């Protein structure tokens, strides 16, 4: 892979129905004082507006004051009739050319990212760009993003391939977070909790995970124990009933050791709210395990950023909610975390994960179901095809893999969503 040091002074990008390719093209290929022209139709206007807003907000947030990226929206009325599209595009490209000539920049780098847009707009834009800028005194590039391979294909104006570049967040001009990606694609600011250092994993979460890791042979007993605790605490209405229930329950269930009495048990949750204790027993304690793993992976630079409890605001029609979304080099990894233990429920969790992550990232995404299922082979068969021995961008972890959970997640992300079934 070659590294292209030159970034665009002027970037013309064709806005598609998925914002992620446009977003990656902008943050990786524009220079700090460049200008982005967003060519869009009525169907992609919302995404174009969101990209403009993203650029504006990032300029304002740059404390160092080095970021001065400008943007301009360029609307097309037609997108499928070649003659009409050509008539609209030609004067718009000529106008952009005049602006660049009048910019005073010596030998500017001008780039057309043709990843988005319809086939008609894409093909005609390449032709018109090559003709309008044919004798221009500067560097002309065509770029195309391959989301599945995390590569940018860069061509000279003659359309001879110059290089294929692995895009990396460390080489990006504009820093982005998971929240930025979601907000741009979903056309709204989302409610989400950032991966802040204020998170504190409860003692119960640590104890329960350690107990499972050391007692994998007691799968049914442990699941029954957790269900019994949750069901029992859920029906309790008075605080005075809690101690009696826990004492009676612990006499029959000696699975989890380390708690001398009911008070010690409740203190392990770091909350006095029975409602919150019940929520943690329902599965929140396991989410805390994954949260801690993702914090550690971020500190180790395995991931760039992650968010938990990502959900849409009321202004968004799409019903969207997630457990965790991690990002590495602009690719998103969605985690559906649950203590469900059946193949049917795990299959449903994976389906939900894949559908939800498509809402904000489409091709540049992967989905994982982290559950207590005993076997995943039948579930994975539905994601294999004749071209792949193992499914790409899909991860299912099982009960027996819990001791190596961090290692499995780390390798999955480092391999960009690939996993070898025989590795663990």
Protein backbone atom coordinates (compact mmCIF):
# COMPACT_ATOMS: atom_id res chain seq x y z
CA UNK A 1 0.00 0.00 0.00
CA UNK A 2 1.30 3.47 -0.89
CA UNK A 3 0.87 6.58 1.19
CA UNK A 4 -0.38 9.67 -0.59
CA UNK A 5 0.81 12.75 1.29
CA UNK A 6 -1.07 15.29 -0.81
CA UNK A 7 -4.53 16.13 0.42
CA UNK A 8 -7.18 18.07 -1.44
CA UNK A 9 -7.38 21.84 -1.34
CA UNK A 10 -10.75 21.40 -3.04
CA UNK A 11 -12.78 18.23 -2.66
CA UNK A 12 -15.87 17.60 -4.78
CA UNK A 13 -17.90 14.79 -3.25
CA UNK A 14 -21.02 13.12 -4.60
CA UNK A 15 -23.43 12.64 -1.71
CA UNK A 16 -25.07 9.22 -1.57
CA UNK A 17 -27.84 7.69 0.52
CA UNK A 18 -25.27 6.37 3.00
CA UNK A 19 -23.30 9.15 4.69
CA UNK A 20 -20.35 7.06 5.83
CA UNK A 21 -18.37 6.96 2.53
CA UNK A 22 -18.77 10.75 2.17
CA UNK A 23 -17.76 11.32 5.79
CA UNK A 24 -14.65 9.15 5.47
CA UNK A 25 -13.72 10.83 2.20
CA UNK A 26 -13.96 14.27 3.79
CA UNK A 27 -12.07 13.59 7.04
CA UNK A 28 -9.27 11.65 5.32
CA UNK A 29 -8.75 13.58 2.08
CA UNK A 30 -9.39 17.30 2.74
CA UNK A 31 -6.59 19.49 4.07
CA UNK A 32 -6.98 21.74 7.11
CA UNK A 33 -7.88 24.83 5.09
CA UNK A 34 -9.63 23.13 2.20
CA UNK A 35 -13.12 23.44 0.79
CA UNK A 36 -15.68 20.69 0.22
CA UNK A 37 -18.33 20.88 -2.52
CA UNK A 38 -21.27 18.58 -1.72
CA UNK A 39 -23.18 17.63 -4.88
CA UNK A 40 -26.56 16.22 -3.85
CA UNK A 41 -30.13 15.65 -5.01
CA UNK A 42 -33.40 16.24 -3.14
CA UNK A 43 -33.16 12.67 -1.84
CA UNK A 44 -29.73 13.24 -0.28
CA UNK A 45 -30.17 16.85 0.86
CA UNK A 46 -30.56 15.87 4.53
CA UNK A 47 -27.23 14.03 4.49
CA UNK A 48 -25.55 16.93 2.68
CA UNK A 49 -26.90 19.33 5.33
CA UNK A 50 -25.66 17.04 8.11
CA UNK A 51 -22.19 16.90 6.56
CA UNK A 52 -22.08 20.69 6.33
CA UNK A 53 -23.14 20.95 9.96
CA UNK A 54 -20.49 18.38 10.94
CA UNK A 55 -17.75 20.42 9.26
CA UNK A 56 -18.96 23.64 10.88
CA UNK A 57 -19.08 22.10 14.35
CA UNK A 58 -15.62 20.54 13.99
CA UNK A 59 -14.15 23.91 12.98
CA UNK A 60 -15.65 25.48 16.10
CA UNK A 61 -14.45 22.64 18.34
CA UNK A 62 -10.84 22.86 17.16
CA UNK A 63 -9.19 24.54 20.16
CA UNK A 64 -5.83 24.87 18.42
CA UNK A 65 -7.46 26.89 15.63
CA UNK A 66 -5.81 24.92 12.83
CA UNK A 67 -8.99 23.66 11.22
CA UNK A 68 -10.62 26.00 8.69
CA UNK A 69 -12.50 23.67 6.34
CA UNK A 70 -15.25 25.31 4.30
CA UNK A 71 -18.19 23.65 2.59
CA UNK A 72 -20.76 24.45 -0.07
CA UNK A 73 -23.91 22.61 -1.02
CA UNK A 74 -24.54 22.07 -4.76
CA UNK A 75 -28.03 20.80 -5.61
CA UNK A 76 -29.07 18.78 -8.66
CA UNK A 77 -32.69 18.64 -9.75
CA UNK A 78 -32.30 15.45 -11.80
CA UNK A 79 -30.44 12.23 -11.03
CA UNK A 80 -31.50 9.55 -13.55
CA UNK A 81 -31.87 11.22 -16.98
CA UNK A 82 -28.35 11.40 -18.52
CA UNK A 83 -29.08 14.40 -20.78
CA UNK A 84 -30.65 16.44 -17.98
CA UNK A 85 -27.97 15.50 -15.47
CA UNK A 86 -25.24 16.50 -17.92
CA UNK A 87 -26.91 19.89 -18.58
CA UNK A 88 -27.03 20.57 -14.85
CA UNK A 89 -23.59 19.27 -13.94
CA UNK A 90 -21.54 21.05 -16.63
CA UNK A 91 -22.21 24.65 -15.52
CA UNK A 92 -21.82 23.68 -11.86
CA UNK A 93 -18.37 22.18 -12.47
CA UNK A 94 -17.40 25.24 -14.53
CA UNK A 95 -18.49 27.47 -11.67
CA UNK A 96 -16.38 25.44 -9.23
CA UNK A 97 -13.43 25.69 -11.64
CA UNK A 98 -13.72 29.49 -11.78
CA UNK A 99 -13.83 29.72 -8.00
CA UNK A 100 -10.69 27.60 -7.70
CA UNK A 101 -8.87 29.71 -10.29
CA UNK A 102 -9.77 32.84 -8.34
CA UNK A 103 -8.71 31.35 -5.00
CA UNK A 104 -5.10 32.41 -5.43
CA UNK A 105 -3.79 28.97 -4.43
CA UNK A 106 -0.75 27.98 -6.50
CA UNK A 107 -1.04 24.53 -8.09
CA UNK A 108 -3.97 23.37 -5.93
CA UNK A 109 -4.88 19.74 -5.36
CA UNK A 110 -8.38 19.15 -6.72
CA UNK A 111 -10.17 15.89 -6.08
CA UNK A 112 -13.43 14.26 -7.11
CA UNK A 113 -14.73 11.58 -4.76
CA UNK A 114 -17.23 9.66 -6.86
CA UNK A 115 -18.17 6.99 -4.28
CA UNK A 116 -21.70 8.34 -3.71
CA UNK A 117 -24.45 9.44 -6.06
CA UNK A 118 -26.31 7.47 -8.70
CA UNK A 119 -24.46 5.68 -11.50
CA UNK A 120 -25.56 8.39 -13.93
CA UNK A 121 -24.30 11.22 -11.70
CA UNK A 122 -21.09 9.35 -10.87
CA UNK A 123 -20.11 8.50 -14.45
CA UNK A 124 -21.01 11.92 -15.88
CA UNK A 125 -19.23 13.74 -13.02
CA UNK A 126 -16.01 11.87 -13.80
CA UNK A 127 -16.28 12.75 -17.48
CA UNK A 128 -17.10 16.43 -16.89
CA UNK A 129 -14.46 16.82 -14.16
CA UNK A 130 -11.78 15.45 -16.49
CA UNK A 131 -12.84 17.78 -19.32
CA UNK A 132 -13.37 20.99 -17.33
CA UNK A 133 -10.05 20.68 -15.45
CA UNK A 134 -8.10 19.22 -18.39
CA UNK A 135 -5.59 22.08 -18.74
CA UNK A 136 -5.71 23.21 -15.14
CA UNK A 137 -2.40 24.00 -13.45
CA UNK A 138 -2.70 21.72 -10.44
CA UNK A 139 -2.97 18.09 -9.31
CA UNK A 140 -6.18 16.30 -10.24
CA UNK A 141 -7.35 13.13 -8.50
CA UNK A 142 -10.32 10.78 -8.66
CA UNK A 143 -10.99 8.85 -5.46
CA UNK A 144 -13.23 5.93 -4.62
CA UNK A 145 -13.78 4.27 -1.22
CA UNK A 146 -14.03 0.51 -0.74
CA UNK A 147 -15.75 0.29 2.65
CA UNK A 148 -15.44 -3.47 3.10
CA UNK A 149 -11.66 -3.41 2.60
CA UNK A 150 -11.16 -0.02 4.30
CA UNK A 151 -9.28 1.26 1.25
CA UNK A 152 -9.23 4.44 -0.81
CA UNK A 153 -8.50 3.98 -4.51
CA UNK A 154 -6.77 7.06 -5.90
CA UNK A 155 -6.48 7.72 -9.62
CA UNK A 156 -4.78 10.45 -11.64
CA UNK A 157 -6.87 12.48 -14.05
CA UNK A 158 -5.88 10.09 -16.82
CA UNK A 159 -7.70 7.38 -14.82
CA UNK A 160 -4.51 5.36 -14.45
CA UNK A 161 -4.39 3.90 -10.95
CA UNK A 162 -1.87 5.66 -8.75
CA UNK A 163 -2.34 3.94 -5.42
CA UNK A 164 -4.56 2.05 -3.04
CA UNK A 165 -4.41 3.40 0.50
CA UNK A 166 -5.61 1.86 3.76
CA UNK A 167 -7.42 4.72 5.44
CA UNK A 168 -6.55 5.16 9.08
CA UNK A 169 -7.96 7.49 11.72
CA UNK A 170 -4.44 8.53 12.71
CA UNK A 171 -3.96 10.07 9.25
CA UNK A 172 -7.29 11.90 9.20
CA UNK A 173 -7.53 15.68 9.02
CA UNK A 174 -10.70 15.92 11.10
CA UNK A 175 -11.12 13.83 14.28
CA UNK A 176 -14.46 12.06 14.63
CA UNK A 177 -16.28 10.11 17.32
CA UNK A 178 -18.98 7.44 17.23
CA UNK A 179 -21.47 10.18 18.08
CA UNK A 180 -20.36 12.21 15.04
CA UNK A 181 -20.87 9.24 12.72
CA UNK A 182 -24.30 8.46 14.09
CA UNK A 183 -25.44 12.08 14.09
CA UNK A 184 -24.39 12.70 10.49
CA UNK A 185 -26.12 9.65 9.12
CA UNK A 186 -29.24 9.86 11.24
CA UNK A 187 -29.68 13.57 10.61
CA UNK A 188 -29.89 14.46 14.30
CA UNK A 189 -27.87 14.75 17.45
CA UNK A 190 -28.30 11.53 19.40
CA UNK A 191 -28.61 10.76 23.07
CA UNK A 192 -25.60 8.71 24.04
CA UNK A 193 -23.16 8.23 26.85
CA UNK A 194 -19.55 8.74 25.88
CA UNK A 195 -16.86 6.30 26.97
CA UNK A 196 -15.92 8.48 29.93
CA UNK A 197 -13.66 7.60 32.82
CA UNK A 198 -16.59 8.02 35.23
CA UNK A 199 -17.73 4.46 34.53
CA UNK A 200 -17.25 2.11 37.47
CA UNK A 201 -17.75 -1.61 37.13
CA UNK A 202 -19.69 -2.98 40.10
CA UNK A 203 -18.17 -5.57 42.40
CA UNK A 204 -21.04 -7.92 41.60
CA UNK A 205 -20.22 -7.68 37.88
CA UNK A 206 -16.58 -8.57 38.51
CA UNK A 207 -17.45 -11.35 40.95
CA UNK A 208 -20.10 -12.87 38.67
CA UNK A 209 -17.83 -12.86 35.63
CA UNK A 210 -14.92 -14.37 37.57
CA UNK A 211 -17.20 -17.02 39.01
CA UNK A 212 -18.48 -18.02 35.57
CA UNK A 213 -14.95 -18.15 34.12
CA UNK A 214 -13.93 -20.56 36.88
CA UNK A 215 -17.14 -22.63 36.75
CA UNK A 216 -18.00 -23.10 33.08
CA UNK A 217 -19.35 -26.57 33.83
CA UNK A 218 -22.17 -25.06 35.94
CA UNK A 219 -23.85 -23.19 33.07
CA UNK A 220 -27.44 -24.28 33.79
CA UNK A 221 -27.11 -23.73 37.53
CA UNK A 222 -25.65 -20.24 37.13
CA UNK A 223 -28.31 -19.15 34.62
CA UNK A 224 -31.01 -20.52 36.92
CA UNK A 225 -29.40 -18.68 39.85
CA UNK A 226 -29.45 -15.33 38.03
CA UNK A 227 -33.03 -15.81 36.85
CA UNK A 228 -34.14 -16.72 40.37
CA UNK A 229 -32.54 -13.62 41.86
CA UNK A 230 -34.05 -11.35 39.21
CA UNK A 231 -37.55 -12.85 39.44
CA UNK A 232 -37.51 -12.75 43.22
CA UNK A 233 -36.36 -9.14 43.52
CA UNK A 234 -38.73 -7.95 40.79
CA UNK A 235 -41.87 -8.81 42.79
CA UNK A 236 -40.62 -7.25 46.04
CA UNK A 237 -42.50 -4.05 46.90
CA UNK A 238 -41.17 -3.24 50.35
CA UNK A 239 -37.57 -2.75 51.41
CA UNK A 240 -38.18 -4.79 54.55
CA UNK A 241 -38.80 -7.89 52.41
CA UNK A 242 -35.40 -7.82 50.72
CA UNK A 243 -33.32 -9.28 53.52
CA UNK A 244 -35.74 -12.15 54.14
CA UNK A 245 -35.82 -13.03 50.45
CA UNK A 246 -32.04 -12.93 50.01
CA UNK A 247 -31.40 -15.00 53.12
CA UNK A 248 -33.92 -17.62 52.04
CA UNK A 249 -32.61 -17.60 48.48
CA UNK A 250 -28.94 -17.93 49.51
CA UNK A 251 -29.72 -20.93 51.73
CA UNK A 252 -30.82 -22.83 48.63
CA UNK A 253 -28.24 -21.39 46.19
CA UNK A 254 -24.61 -21.61 47.23
CA UNK A 255 -23.23 -20.91 43.78
CA UNK A 256 -21.73 -17.45 44.24
CA UNK A 257 -19.42 -17.26 47.20
CA UNK A 258 -17.84 -14.20 48.79
CA UNK A 259 -20.90 -12.57 50.36
CA UNK A 260 -21.33 -13.12 54.09
CA UNK A 261 -24.82 -11.66 54.28
CA UNK A 262 -27.52 -9.87 52.31
CA UNK A 263 -26.04 -6.43 53.06
CA UNK A 264 -22.69 -7.44 51.57
CA UNK A 265 -24.51 -8.75 48.53
CA UNK A 266 -26.45 -5.54 47.94
CA UNK A 267 -23.39 -3.35 48.51
CA UNK A 268 -21.64 -5.19 45.67
CA UNK A 269 -24.00 -3.46 43.22
CA UNK A 270 -22.89 0.05 44.30
CA UNK A 271 -26.52 1.14 44.59
CA UNK A 272 -29.27 0.95 47.22
CA UNK A 273 -32.01 1.01 44.60
CA UNK A 274 -33.71 -2.38 44.29
CA UNK A 275 -34.92 -1.35 40.84
CA UNK A 276 -31.32 -0.80 39.68
CA UNK A 277 -30.20 -4.03 41.31
CA UNK A 278 -32.94 -5.85 39.38
CA UNK A 279 -31.82 -4.18 36.13
CA UNK A 280 -28.25 -5.34 36.71
CA UNK A 281 -29.41 -8.87 37.45
CA UNK A 282 -31.47 -8.83 34.24
CA UNK A 283 -28.24 -8.35 32.26
CA UNK A 284 -26.76 -4.92 33.00
CA UNK A 285 -24.00 -6.57 35.04
CA UNK A 286 -22.82 -8.34 31.86
CA UNK A 287 -22.90 -5.05 29.94
CA UNK A 288 -20.56 -3.70 32.61
CA UNK A 289 -18.12 -6.50 31.75
CA UNK A 290 -18.12 -5.49 28.07
CA UNK A 291 -17.92 -1.80 29.01
CA UNK A 292 -14.76 -2.48 31.01
CA UNK A 293 -13.26 -4.53 28.16
CA UNK A 294 -13.89 -1.69 25.69
CA UNK A 295 -12.33 0.85 28.05
CA UNK A 296 -9.21 -1.31 28.24
CA UNK A 297 -9.11 -1.78 24.44
CA UNK A 298 -9.36 1.98 23.97
CA UNK A 299 -6.47 2.55 26.34
CA UNK A 300 -4.48 -0.03 24.36
CA UNK A 301 -5.34 1.80 21.07
CA UNK A 302 -7.17 -1.23 19.72
CA UNK A 303 -10.21 1.02 19.20
CA UNK A 304 -10.39 4.79 18.64
CA UNK A 305 -13.67 5.45 20.41
CA UNK A 306 -16.83 3.81 21.69
CA UNK A 307 -20.23 4.81 22.99
CA UNK A 308 -22.80 3.00 25.08
CA UNK A 309 -26.55 3.40 25.41
CA UNK A 310 -26.77 5.11 22.03
CA UNK A 311 -30.39 5.97 21.23
CA UNK A 312 -32.32 8.25 18.92
CA UNK A 313 -34.01 11.47 19.97
CA UNK A 314 -37.75 11.92 19.48
CA UNK A 315 -37.07 13.85 16.26
CA UNK A 316 -35.91 10.65 14.56
CA UNK A 317 -38.55 8.31 13.23
CA UNK A 318 -36.19 5.33 13.26
CA UNK A 319 -36.40 3.27 16.45
CA UNK A 320 -32.74 2.98 17.30
CA UNK A 321 -31.02 1.80 20.45
CA UNK A 322 -27.70 0.08 21.02
CA UNK A 323 -25.68 -1.52 23.78
CA UNK A 324 -22.22 -0.52 22.52
CA UNK A 325 -20.70 0.79 19.30
CA UNK A 326 -16.92 0.86 18.96
CA UNK A 327 -14.96 2.49 16.14
CA UNK A 328 -11.55 1.74 14.65
CA UNK A 329 -10.30 3.51 11.53
CA UNK A 330 -13.83 4.70 10.71
CA UNK A 331 -15.32 1.22 10.82
CA UNK A 332 -18.07 0.62 13.38
CA UNK A 333 -18.42 -2.50 15.52
CA UNK A 334 -21.85 -2.93 17.09
CA UNK A 335 -22.25 -5.12 20.20
CA UNK A 336 -25.56 -6.59 21.28
CA UNK A 337 -24.84 -7.82 24.81
CA UNK A 338 -27.25 -10.15 26.58
CA UNK A 339 -27.40 -13.06 29.02
CA UNK A 340 -29.84 -14.92 26.75
CA UNK A 341 -28.80 -18.55 26.39
CA UNK A 342 -30.81 -20.00 23.48
CA UNK A 343 -29.94 -20.15 19.78
CA UNK A 344 -33.25 -18.52 18.87
CA UNK A 345 -32.68 -15.47 21.07
CA UNK A 346 -29.01 -15.17 20.06
CA UNK A 347 -30.01 -15.27 16.39
CA UNK A 348 -32.51 -12.48 17.10
CA UNK A 349 -29.88 -10.40 18.95
CA UNK A 350 -27.47 -10.74 16.02
CA UNK A 351 -30.18 -9.81 13.52
CA UNK A 352 -31.06 -6.72 15.57
CA UNK A 353 -27.39 -5.76 15.75
CA UNK A 354 -26.87 -6.05 11.99
CA UNK A 355 -30.04 -4.12 11.17
CA UNK A 356 -29.34 -1.31 13.61
CA UNK A 357 -25.73 -0.75 12.67
CA UNK A 358 -26.76 -0.52 9.01
CA UNK A 359 -28.85 2.51 9.93
CA UNK A 360 -25.75 4.56 10.67
CA UNK A 361 -22.91 2.93 8.77
CA UNK A 362 -24.01 0.31 6.23
CA UNK A 363 -20.98 -1.37 4.57
CA UNK A 364 -18.43 0.12 6.96
CA UNK A 365 -19.74 -1.88 9.91
CA UNK A 366 -19.70 -5.18 11.75
CA UNK A 367 -22.07 -6.74 14.28
CA UNK A 368 -21.54 -8.96 17.32
CA UNK A 369 -23.88 -10.91 19.58
CA UNK A 370 -22.24 -11.52 22.95
CA UNK A 371 -24.48 -13.99 24.80
CA UNK A 372 -24.57 -17.14 26.95
CA UNK A 373 -25.50 -19.41 24.03
CA UNK A 374 -23.91 -22.86 24.19
CA UNK A 375 -23.29 -23.44 20.48
CA UNK A 376 -23.11 -21.00 17.55
CA UNK A 377 -22.45 -23.25 14.55
CA UNK A 378 -26.06 -23.47 13.38
CA UNK A 379 -26.47 -19.70 13.69
CA UNK A 380 -23.30 -18.99 11.71
CA UNK A 381 -24.42 -21.23 8.84
CA UNK A 382 -26.97 -18.57 7.92
CA UNK A 383 -24.19 -16.00 7.42
CA UNK A 384 -21.86 -18.10 5.27
CA UNK A 385 -21.80 -18.16 1.50
CA UNK A 386 -19.84 -19.93 -1.21
CA UNK A 387 -17.23 -17.15 -1.28
CA UNK A 388 -16.42 -17.22 2.42
CA UNK A 389 -15.26 -20.07 4.61
CA UNK A 390 -16.05 -17.90 7.65
CA UNK A 391 -18.55 -15.02 7.73
CA UNK A 392 -17.10 -11.49 7.60
CA UNK A 393 -18.28 -8.72 9.88
CA UNK A 394 -20.19 -11.11 12.13
CA UNK A 395 -19.18 -12.30 15.61
CA UNK A 396 -20.98 -14.61 18.01
CA UNK A 397 -19.43 -15.52 21.35
CA UNK A 398 -20.53 -18.51 23.40
CA UNK A 399 -20.57 -19.51 27.06
CA UNK A 400 -17.31 -21.47 26.81
CA UNK A 401 -15.57 -18.50 25.18
CA UNK A 402 -16.28 -16.16 28.10
CA UNK A 403 -12.78 -16.58 29.64
CA UNK A 404 -11.23 -15.29 26.37
CA UNK A 405 -13.83 -12.60 25.66
CA UNK A 406 -11.42 -9.66 25.57
CA UNK A 407 -8.96 -11.55 23.37
CA UNK A 408 -11.71 -12.57 20.94
CA UNK A 409 -13.07 -9.02 20.65
CA UNK A 410 -9.55 -7.60 20.26
CA UNK A 411 -8.63 -9.97 17.42
CA UNK A 412 -11.98 -9.46 15.67
CA UNK A 413 -11.48 -5.70 15.56
CA UNK A 414 -7.78 -5.90 14.64
CA UNK A 415 -8.72 -8.19 11.75
CA UNK A 416 -11.36 -5.65 10.63
CA UNK A 417 -14.32 -7.90 11.33
CA UNK A 418 -12.79 -11.22 10.25
CA UNK A 419 -12.73 -14.20 12.59
CA UNK A 420 -11.40 -17.74 12.38
CA UNK A 421 -13.83 -20.18 13.97
CA UNK A 422 -10.98 -22.55 14.83
CA UNK A 423 -8.91 -19.88 16.54
CA UNK A 424 -10.43 -20.33 19.99
